[in-house]
Amino acid sequence: HVQLVESGGGEVQAGGSLRLVCSASGLTSSAYCMGWFRQTPGKEREEVAAIYTGGRRTRYADSVKGRFTISQDNANNTLYLQMDSLRPEDTAMYYCATGPFWGPGTQVTVS
């Protein structure tokens, strides 16, 4: 039974930072690709960042390049998203995902 749980969201002022954490359990092997997504009411869910096994390849949405950093700890099945220079438009529910599995999300609010 695969379970993903996000944490680290909260409310922060523009220009501030947050670090999101996704704890994964039940994965039988290191996930090939894990990613962070976000969604605001009335809008489609969008991919924010993704990382491939070993961390050798990453990709970012244009809107977050240079501000967000995705990383992972394979030994502990943990995924991170360091978010710096946050903007009000980054306000959203953030989800981590791998394959067909999704976490319940963590809210990020930037004022």
Protein backbone atom coordinates (compact mmCIF):
# COMPACT_ATOMS: atom_id res chain seq x y z
CA HIS A 1 0.00 0.00 0.00
CA VAL A 2 1.72 3.16 -1.24
CA GLN A 3 1.16 6.31 0.78
CA LEU A 4 2.45 9.82 0.16
CA VAL A 5 2.11 12.50 2.78
CA GLU A 6 3.08 16.13 2.28
CA SER A 7 4.04 18.58 5.01
CA GLY A 8 5.69 21.95 5.36
CA GLY A 9 3.03 24.16 3.88
CA GLY A 10 1.83 27.30 5.58
CA GLU A 11 1.43 31.02 5.24
CA VAL A 12 4.38 33.23 4.38
CA GLN A 13 4.93 36.76 3.18
CA ALA A 14 6.08 37.47 -0.35
CA GLY A 15 9.81 37.00 -0.65
CA GLY A 16 9.85 34.35 2.02
CA SER A 17 10.70 30.66 1.87
CA LEU A 18 9.10 27.33 2.65
CA ARG A 19 10.33 23.77 2.40
CA LEU A 20 7.83 21.12 1.48
CA VAL A 21 8.45 17.51 2.43
CA CYS A 22 6.83 14.42 0.95
CA SER A 23 7.23 11.21 2.91
CA ALA A 24 6.61 8.06 0.89
CA SER A 25 5.92 4.61 2.24
CA GLY A 26 5.11 1.31 0.63
CA LEU A 27 7.24 1.84 -2.44
CA THR A 28 8.81 -1.46 -3.43
CA SER A 29 11.67 0.24 -5.22
CA SER A 30 13.01 3.71 -5.73
CA ALA A 31 10.52 5.62 -7.80
CA TYR A 32 11.76 6.41 -11.29
CA CYS A 33 10.22 9.86 -11.23
CA MET A 34 8.67 11.90 -8.47
CA GLY A 35 7.18 15.32 -8.77
CA TRP A 36 5.48 18.26 -7.15
CA PHE A 37 2.27 19.69 -8.52
CA ARG A 38 0.04 22.54 -7.49
CA GLN A 39 -3.54 23.56 -8.00
CA THR A 40 -5.72 26.55 -7.23
CA PRO A 41 -9.53 26.56 -7.32
CA GLY A 42 -10.86 26.73 -10.85
CA LYS A 43 -7.53 25.93 -12.46
CA GLU A 44 -5.98 22.74 -13.73
CA ARG A 45 -3.31 21.04 -11.69
CA GLU A 46 0.14 21.96 -12.99
CA GLU A 47 3.51 20.32 -12.60
CA VAL A 48 5.92 22.46 -10.61
CA ALA A 49 9.02 20.27 -10.57
CA ALA A 50 10.08 16.69 -11.17
CA ILE A 51 13.13 14.62 -10.39
CA TYR A 52 14.33 11.33 -11.82
CA THR A 53 15.99 8.50 -9.95
CA GLY A 54 19.41 9.46 -8.69
CA GLY A 55 18.64 13.14 -8.97
CA ARG A 56 20.63 13.42 -12.16
CA ARG A 57 17.79 15.00 -14.05
CA THR A 58 15.27 17.56 -12.92
CA ARG A 59 12.78 19.81 -14.63
CA TYR A 60 10.89 22.87 -13.51
CA ALA A 61 7.96 24.93 -14.64
CA ASP A 62 9.15 28.20 -16.14
CA SER A 63 7.32 30.11 -13.44
CA VAL A 64 9.48 28.62 -10.67
CA LYS A 65 12.87 28.22 -12.31
CA GLY A 66 15.60 29.79 -10.23
CA ARG A 67 13.34 29.99 -7.16
CA PHE A 68 12.35 26.38 -6.39
CA THR A 69 14.63 23.38 -5.94
CA ILE A 70 13.50 19.77 -5.96
CA SER A 71 15.58 17.09 -4.25
CA GLN A 72 15.16 13.62 -2.83
CA ASP A 73 16.54 11.30 -0.21
CA ASN A 74 16.18 7.84 -1.72
CA ALA A 75 17.34 6.09 1.43
CA ASN A 76 14.36 7.53 3.29
CA ASN A 77 11.91 7.77 0.39
CA THR A 78 11.56 11.48 0.97
CA LEU A 79 11.01 14.20 -1.59
CA TYR A 80 11.64 17.88 -0.94
CA LEU A 81 10.72 21.17 -2.56
CA GLN A 82 12.66 24.20 -1.39
CA MET A 83 10.70 27.30 -2.34
CA ASP A 84 12.44 30.66 -2.15
CA SER A 85 11.44 34.15 -3.23
CA LEU A 86 7.81 33.17 -2.94
CA ARG A 87 5.19 35.24 -4.73
CA PRO A 88 1.45 35.59 -4.16
CA GLU A 89 0.86 33.67 -7.39
CA ASP A 90 2.57 30.65 -5.81
CA THR A 91 -0.42 30.31 -3.50
CA ALA A 92 -1.92 26.88 -4.11
CA MET A 93 -2.43 23.40 -2.78
CA TYR A 94 0.79 21.49 -3.40
CA TYR A 95 0.86 17.75 -4.04
CA CYS A 96 3.60 15.20 -4.47
CA ALA A 97 3.14 12.29 -6.80
CA THR A 98 4.83 9.28 -8.29
CA GLY A 99 3.22 7.13 -10.94
CA PRO A 100 -0.48 6.79 -10.10
CA PHE A 101 -0.01 7.74 -6.45
CA TRP A 102 -0.79 11.14 -4.98
CA GLY A 103 -0.63 12.68 -1.55
CA PRO A 104 -3.51 14.65 -0.01
CA GLY A 105 -1.71 17.96 -0.46
CA THR A 106 -0.42 20.80 1.70
CA GLN A 107 -1.61 24.39 1.41
CA VAL A 108 0.83 27.18 0.64
CA THR A 109 -0.38 30.75 1.01
CA VAL A 110 1.79 33.72 0.08
CA SER A 111 0.54 37.15 1.07
